């Protein structure tokens, strides 16, 4: 995914920046603790299509970007 595009995308729920996970082809929102799929190089930024991040996945994210209240 192009950095230029990634810089413009935000989480539809929290409006926060997303982290690109190239291995899983997902965009991660550390604030909402959701992972949005990328299908055929197109980000699917629908809350209903997102999956909840596991505890192990959250541990791998930068700690300054995680909202522990949600």
PDB file of N, CA and C in Angstrom:
ATOM      1  N   UNK A   1       0.839  -1.171   0.000  1.00  0.00           N
ATOM      2  CA  UNK A   1       0.000   0.000   0.000  1.00  0.00           C
ATOM      3  C   UNK A   1       0.886   1.236   0.000  1.00  0.00           C
ATOM      4  N   UNK A   2       0.523   2.190  -0.802  1.00  0.00           N
ATOM      5  CA  UNK A   2       1.316   3.408  -0.923  1.00  0.00           C
ATOM      6  C   UNK A   2       1.228   4.254   0.342  1.00  0.00           C
ATOM      7  N   UNK A   3       2.364   4.769   0.765  1.00  0.00           N
ATOM      8  CA  UNK A   3       2.418   5.598   1.974  1.00  0.00           C
ATOM      9  C   UNK A   3       1.543   6.837   1.821  1.00  0.00           C
ATOM     10  N   UNK A   4       1.494   7.393   0.630  1.00  0.00           N
ATOM     11  CA  UNK A   4       0.693   8.588   0.378  1.00  0.00           C
ATOM     12  C   UNK A   4      -0.790   8.314   0.683  1.00  0.00           C
ATOM     13  N   UNK A   5      -1.262   7.144   0.274  1.00  0.00           N
ATOM     14  CA  UNK A   5      -2.659   6.778   0.535  1.00  0.00           C
ATOM     15  C   UNK A   5      -2.854   6.488   2.018  1.00  0.00           C
ATOM     16  N   UNK A   6      -1.946   5.749   2.599  1.00  0.00           N
ATOM     17  CA  UNK A   6      -2.050   5.389   4.008  1.00  0.00           C
ATOM     18  C   UNK A   6      -2.100   6.628   4.900  1.00  0.00           C
ATOM     19  N   UNK A   7      -1.346   7.648   4.557  1.00  0.00           N
ATOM     20  CA  UNK A   7      -1.326   8.880   5.344  1.00  0.00           C
ATOM     21  C   UNK A   7      -2.679   9.590   5.352  1.00  0.00           C
ATOM     22  N   UNK A   8      -3.507   9.334   4.353  1.00  0.00           N
ATOM     23  CA  UNK A   8      -4.810  10.003   4.251  1.00  0.00           C
ATOM     24  C   UNK A   8      -5.946   9.191   4.865  1.00  0.00           C
ATOM     25  N   UNK A   9      -5.726   7.900   5.066  1.00  0.00           N
ATOM     26  CA  UNK A   9      -6.780   7.046   5.605  1.00  0.00           C
ATOM     27  C   UNK A   9      -6.847   7.142   7.121  1.00  0.00           C
ATOM     28  N   UNK A  10      -8.066   7.144   7.638  1.00  0.00           N
ATOM     29  CA  UNK A  10      -8.286   7.138   9.085  1.00  0.00           C
ATOM     30  C   UNK A  10      -9.356   6.106   9.414  1.00  0.00           C
ATOM     31  N   UNK A  11      -9.388   5.719  10.659  1.00  0.00           N
ATOM     32  CA  UNK A  11     -10.397   4.784  11.135  1.00  0.00           C
ATOM     33  C   UNK A  11     -11.773   5.454  11.041  1.00  0.00           C
ATOM     34  N   UNK A  12     -12.766   4.774  10.479  1.00  0.00           N
ATOM     35  CA  UNK A  12     -14.090   5.388  10.369  1.00  0.00           C
ATOM     36  C   UNK A  12     -14.785   5.561  11.726  1.00  0.00           C
ATOM     37  N   UNK A  13     -14.339   4.814  12.729  1.00  0.00           N
ATOM     38  CA  UNK A  13     -14.958   4.898  14.054  1.00  0.00           C
ATOM     39  C   UNK A  13     -14.311   5.980  14.919  1.00  0.00           C
ATOM     40  N   UNK A  14     -12.981   5.950  15.017  1.00  0.00           N
ATOM     41  CA  UNK A  14     -12.274   6.877  15.920  1.00  0.00           C
ATOM     42  C   UNK A  14     -11.653   8.077  15.209  1.00  0.00           C
ATOM     43  N   UNK A  15     -11.546   7.987  13.904  1.00  0.00           N
ATOM     44  CA  UNK A  15     -10.889   9.031  13.085  1.00  0.00           C
ATOM     45  C   UNK A  15      -9.391   9.126  13.357  1.00  0.00           C
ATOM     46  N   UNK A  16      -8.814   8.085  13.952  1.00  0.00           N
ATOM     47  CA  UNK A  16      -7.377   8.079  14.241  1.00  0.00           C
ATOM     48  C   UNK A  16      -6.605   7.431  13.087  1.00  0.00           C
ATOM     49  N   UNK A  17      -5.306   7.614  13.100  1.00  0.00           N
ATOM     50  CA  UNK A  17      -4.437   7.044  12.073  1.00  0.00           C
ATOM     51  C   UNK A  17      -4.457   5.519  12.140  1.00  0.00           C
ATOM     52  N   UNK A  18      -4.178   4.903  11.017  1.00  0.00           N
ATOM     53  CA  UNK A  18      -4.150   3.449  10.918  1.00  0.00           C
ATOM     54  C   UNK A  18      -2.733   2.957  10.701  1.00  0.00           C
ATOM     55  N   UNK A  19      -2.476   1.739  11.144  1.00  0.00           N
ATOM     56  CA  UNK A  19      -1.180   1.100  10.969  1.00  0.00           C
ATOM     57  C   UNK A  19      -1.341   0.003   9.930  1.00  0.00           C
ATOM     58  N   UNK A  20      -0.469   0.018   8.930  1.00  0.00           N
ATOM     59  CA  UNK A  20      -0.533  -0.977   7.855  1.00  0.00           C
ATOM     60  C   UNK A  20       0.183  -2.246   8.274  1.00  0.00           C
ATOM     61  N   UNK A  21      -0.537  -3.363   8.242  1.00  0.00           N
ATOM     62  CA  UNK A  21       0.036  -4.675   8.508  1.00  0.00           C
ATOM     63  C   UNK A  21       0.153  -5.391   7.168  1.00  0.00           C
ATOM     64  N   UNK A  22       1.329  -5.359   6.601  1.00  0.00           N
ATOM     65  CA  UNK A  22       1.548  -5.915   5.268  1.00  0.00           C
ATOM     66  C   UNK A  22       1.379  -7.432   5.249  1.00  0.00           C
ATOM     67  N   UNK A  23       1.824  -8.122   6.297  1.00  0.00           N
ATOM     68  CA  UNK A  23       1.733  -9.583   6.336  1.00  0.00           C
ATOM     69  C   UNK A  23       0.297 -10.075   6.246  1.00  0.00           C
ATOM     70  N   UNK A  24      -0.617  -9.420   6.958  1.00  0.00           N
ATOM     71  CA  UNK A  24      -2.019  -9.843   6.976  1.00  0.00           C
ATOM     72  C   UNK A  24      -2.907  -9.039   6.034  1.00  0.00           C
ATOM     73  N   UNK A  25      -2.317  -8.070   5.351  1.00  0.00           N
ATOM     74  CA  UNK A  25      -3.081  -7.187   4.470  1.00  0.00           C
ATOM     75  C   UNK A  25      -4.275  -6.586   5.211  1.00  0.00           C
ATOM     76  N   UNK A  26      -3.939  -5.847   6.288  1.00  0.00           N
ATOM     77  CA  UNK A  26      -4.948  -5.200   7.109  1.00  0.00           C
ATOM     78  C   UNK A  26      -4.466  -3.821   7.533  1.00  0.00           C
ATOM     79  N   UNK A  27      -5.421  -2.981   7.881  1.00  0.00           N
ATOM     80  CA  UNK A  27      -5.146  -1.687   8.483  1.00  0.00           C
ATOM     81  C   UNK A  27      -5.615  -1.767   9.927  1.00  0.00           C
ATOM     82  N   UNK A  28      -4.721  -1.479  10.856  1.00  0.00           N
ATOM     83  CA  UNK A  28      -5.003  -1.642  12.274  1.00  0.00           C
ATOM     84  C   UNK A  28      -5.278  -0.302  12.938  1.00  0.00           C
ATOM     85  N   UNK A  29      -6.328  -0.282  13.752  1.00  0.00           N
ATOM     86  CA  UNK A  29      -6.629   0.903  14.551  1.00  0.00           C
ATOM     87  C   UNK A  29      -6.339   0.570  16.000  1.00  0.00           C
ATOM     88  N   UNK A  30      -5.254   1.118  16.559  1.00  0.00           N
ATOM     89  CA  UNK A  30      -4.921   0.835  17.952  1.00  0.00           C
ATOM     90  C   UNK A  30      -5.899   1.471  18.933  1.00  0.00           C
ATOM     91  N   UNK A  31      -6.606   2.502  18.532  1.00  0.00           N
ATOM     92  CA  UNK A  31      -7.558   3.173  19.412  1.00  0.00           C
ATOM     93  C   UNK A  31      -8.811   2.304  19.597  1.00  0.00           C
ATOM     94  N   UNK A  32      -9.368   1.826  18.505  1.00  0.00           N
ATOM     95  CA  UNK A  32     -10.579   1.002  18.554  1.00  0.00           C
ATOM     96  C   UNK A  32     -10.276  -0.486  18.727  1.00  0.00           C
ATOM     97  N   UNK A  33      -9.003  -0.836  18.525  1.00  0.00           N
ATOM     98  CA  UNK A  33      -8.564  -2.233  18.602  1.00  0.00           C
ATOM     99  C   UNK A  33      -9.259  -3.081  17.539  1.00  0.00           C
ATOM    100  N   UNK A  34      -9.311  -2.512  16.319  1.00  0.00           N
ATOM    101  CA  UNK A  34      -9.925  -3.186  15.177  1.00  0.00           C
ATOM    102  C   UNK A  34      -8.925  -3.331  14.044  1.00  0.00           C
ATOM    103  N   UNK A  35      -9.147  -4.366  13.214  1.00  0.00           N
ATOM    104  CA  UNK A  35      -8.337  -4.598  12.021  1.00  0.00           C
ATOM    105  C   UNK A  35      -9.267  -4.578  10.814  1.00  0.00           C
ATOM    106  N   UNK A  36      -8.988  -3.676   9.886  1.00  0.00           N
ATOM    107  CA  UNK A  36      -9.784  -3.547   8.667  1.00  0.00           C
ATOM    108  C   UNK A  36      -9.079  -4.292   7.531  1.00  0.00           C
ATOM    109  N   UNK A  37      -9.799  -5.152   6.810  1.00  0.00           N
ATOM    110  CA  UNK A  37      -9.161  -5.926   5.744  1.00  0.00           C
ATOM    111  C   UNK A  37      -8.837  -5.072   4.514  1.00  0.00           C
ATOM    112  N   UNK A  38      -7.846  -5.536   3.771  1.00  0.00           N
ATOM    113  CA  UNK A  38      -7.535  -4.966   2.458  1.00  0.00           C
ATOM    114  C   UNK A  38      -7.785  -6.087   1.460  1.00  0.00           C
ATOM    115  N   UNK A  39      -8.723  -5.868   0.551  1.00  0.00           N
ATOM    116  CA  UNK A  39      -9.086  -6.893  -0.424  1.00  0.00           C
ATOM    117  C   UNK A  39      -8.827  -6.364  -1.831  1.00  0.00           C
ATOM    118  N   UNK A  40      -8.034  -7.107  -2.586  1.00  0.00           N
ATOM    119  CA  UNK A  40      -7.677  -6.695  -3.954  1.00  0.00           C
ATOM    120  C   UNK A  40      -7.088  -5.284  -3.975  1.00  0.00           C
ATOM    121  N   UNK A  41      -6.211  -5.000  -3.001  1.00  0.00           N
ATOM    122  CA  UNK A  41      -5.544  -3.701  -2.861  1.00  0.00           C
ATOM    123  C   UNK A  41      -6.479  -2.553  -2.505  1.00  0.00           C
ATOM    124  N   UNK A  42      -7.691  -2.877  -2.028  1.00  0.00           N
ATOM    125  CA  UNK A  42      -8.660  -1.846  -1.653  1.00  0.00           C
ATOM    126  C   UNK A  42      -8.968  -1.985  -0.163  1.00  0.00           C
ATOM    127  N   UNK A  43      -8.696  -0.945   0.635  1.00  0.00           N
ATOM    128  CA  UNK A  43      -9.037  -1.000   2.055  1.00  0.00           C
ATOM    129  C   UNK A  43     -10.554  -1.034   2.243  1.00  0.00           C
ATOM    130  N   UNK A  44     -11.020  -1.957   3.054  1.00  0.00           N
ATOM    131  CA  UNK A  44     -12.446  -2.067   3.363  1.00  0.00           C
ATOM    132  C   UNK A  44     -12.649  -1.439   4.744  1.00  0.00           C
ATOM    133  N   UNK A  45     -12.951  -0.168   4.750  1.00  0.00           N
ATOM    134  CA  UNK A  45     -13.055   0.579   6.001  1.00  0.00           C
ATOM    135  C   UNK A  45     -14.504   0.635   6.486  1.00  0.00           C
ATOM    136  N   UNK A  46     -15.058  -0.533   6.682  1.00  0.00           N
ATOM    137  CA  UNK A  46     -16.407  -0.672   7.215  1.00  0.00           C
ATOM    138  C   UNK A  46     -16.301  -1.304   8.595  1.00  0.00           C
ATOM    139  N   UNK A  47     -16.891  -0.668   9.578  1.00  0.00           N
ATOM    140  CA  UNK A  47     -16.795  -1.164  10.949  1.00  0.00           C
ATOM    141  C   UNK A  47     -17.334  -2.588  11.049  1.00  0.00           C
ATOM    142  N   UNK A  48     -18.403  -2.885  10.335  1.00  0.00           N
ATOM    143  CA  UNK A  48     -18.993  -4.230  10.373  1.00  0.00           C
ATOM    144  C   UNK A  48     -18.090  -5.292   9.759  1.00  0.00           C
ATOM    145  N   UNK A  49     -17.157  -4.897   8.921  1.00  0.00           N
ATOM    146  CA  UNK A  49     -16.239  -5.836   8.266  1.00  0.00           C
ATOM    147  C   UNK A  49     -14.933  -5.999   9.045  1.00  0.00           C
ATOM    148  N   UNK A  50     -14.709  -5.156  10.036  1.00  0.00           N
ATOM    149  CA  UNK A  50     -13.471  -5.205  10.816  1.00  0.00           C
ATOM    150  C   UNK A  50     -13.539  -6.338  11.832  1.00  0.00           C
ATOM    151  N   UNK A  51     -12.353  -6.806  12.193  1.00  0.00           N
ATOM    152  CA  UNK A  51     -12.286  -7.823  13.246  1.00  0.00           C
ATOM    153  C   UNK A  51     -11.584  -7.211  14.451  1.00  0.00           C
ATOM    154  N   UNK A  52     -11.885  -7.748  15.618  1.00  0.00           N
ATOM    155  CA  UNK A  52     -11.273  -7.264  16.854  1.00  0.00           C
ATOM    156  C   UNK A  52      -9.859  -7.815  16.965  1.00  0.00           C
ATOM    157  N   UNK A  53      -8.913  -6.959  17.340  1.00  0.00           N
ATOM    158  CA  UNK A  53      -7.530  -7.379  17.518  1.00  0.00           C
ATOM    159  C   UNK A  53      -7.390  -8.219  18.785  1.00  0.00           C
ATOM    160  N   UNK A  54      -6.586  -9.253  18.701  1.00  0.00           N
ATOM    161  CA  UNK A  54      -6.339 -10.115  19.866  1.00  0.00           C
ATOM    162  C   UNK A  54      -5.366  -9.426  20.825  1.00  0.00           C
ATOM    163  N   UNK A  55      -5.288  -9.944  22.029  1.00  0.00           N
ATOM    164  CA  UNK A  55      -4.358  -9.412  23.022  1.00  0.00           C
ATOM    165  C   UNK A  55      -2.923  -9.472  22.550  1.00  0.00           C
ATOM    166  N   UNK A  56      -2.551 -10.572  21.886  1.00  0.00           N
ATOM    167  CA  UNK A  56      -1.182 -10.702  21.365  1.00  0.00           C
ATOM    168  C   UNK A  56      -0.897  -9.661  20.292  1.00  0.00           C
ATOM    169  N   UNK A  57      -1.882  -9.406  19.436  1.00  0.00           N
ATOM    170  CA  UNK A  57      -1.688  -8.397  18.388  1.00  0.00           C
ATOM    171  C   UNK A  57      -1.537  -7.012  18.996  1.00  0.00           C
ATOM    172  N   UNK A  58      -2.316  -6.722  20.027  1.00  0.00           N
ATOM    173  CA  UNK A  58      -2.231  -5.412  20.677  1.00  0.00           C
ATOM    174  C   UNK A  58      -0.869  -5.201  21.320  1.00  0.00           C
ATOM    175  N   UNK A  59      -0.290  -6.269  21.857  1.00  0.00           N
ATOM    176  CA  UNK A  59       1.031  -6.171  22.487  1.00  0.00           C
ATOM    177  C   UNK A  59       2.114  -5.781  21.483  1.00  0.00           C
ATOM    178  N   UNK A  60       1.898  -6.083  20.207  1.00  0.00           N
ATOM    179  CA  UNK A  60       2.887  -5.792  19.174  1.00  0.00           C
ATOM    180  C   UNK A  60       2.767  -4.372  18.624  1.00  0.00           C
ATOM    181  N   UNK A  61       1.686  -3.679  18.963  1.00  0.00           N
ATOM    182  CA  UNK A  61       1.490  -2.312  18.471  1.00  0.00           C
ATOM    183  C   UNK A  61       2.267  -1.327  19.333  1.00  0.00           C
ATOM    184  N   UNK A  62       2.594  -0.165  18.769  1.00  0.00           N
ATOM    185  CA  UNK A  62       3.267   0.869  19.563  1.00  0.00           C
ATOM    186  C   UNK A  62       2.384   1.259  20.757  1.00  0.00           C
ATOM    187  N   UNK A  63       2.919   1.190  21.968  1.00  0.00           N
ATOM    188  CA  UNK A  63       2.120   1.407  23.178  1.00  0.00           C
ATOM    189  C   UNK A  63       1.547   2.821  23.281  1.00  0.00           C
ATOM    190  N   UNK A  64       2.174   3.789  22.664  1.00  0.00           N
ATOM    191  CA  UNK A  64       1.665   5.158  22.746  1.00  0.00           C
ATOM    192  C   UNK A  64       0.412   5.358  21.892  1.00  0.00           C
ATOM    193  N   UNK A  65       0.052   4.373  21.076  1.00  0.00           N
ATOM    194  CA  UNK A  65      -1.116   4.512  20.216  1.00  0.00           C
ATOM    195  C   UNK A  65      -2.311   3.691  20.684  1.00  0.00           C
ATOM    196  N   UNK A  66      -2.185   2.974  21.785  1.00  0.00           N
ATOM    197  CA  UNK A  66      -3.264   2.103  22.241  1.00  0.00           C
ATOM    198  C   UNK A  66      -4.075   2.810  23.304  1.00  0.00           C
ATOM    199  N   UNK A  67      -5.399   2.788  23.117  1.00  0.00           N
ATOM    200  CA  UNK A  67      -6.311   3.348  24.104  1.00  0.00           C
ATOM    201  C   UNK A  67      -6.803   2.182  24.964  1.00  0.00           C
ATOM    202  N   UNK A  68      -6.343   2.091  26.191  1.00  0.00           N
ATOM    203  CA  UNK A  68      -6.693   0.975  27.050  1.00  0.00           C
ATOM    204  C   UNK A  68      -8.094   1.088  27.644  1.00  0.00           C
ATOM    205  N   UNK A  69      -8.773   2.190  27.413  1.00  0.00           N
ATOM    206  CA  UNK A  69     -10.122   2.383  27.961  1.00  0.00           C
ATOM    207  C   UNK A  69     -11.201   1.749  27.103  1.00  0.00           C
ATOM    208  N   UNK A  70     -10.900   1.407  25.878  1.00  0.00           N
ATOM    209  CA  UNK A  70     -11.929   0.864  24.974  1.00  0.00           C
ATOM    210  C   UNK A  70     -11.940  -0.639  25.008  1.00  0.00           C
TER     211      UNK A  70
END
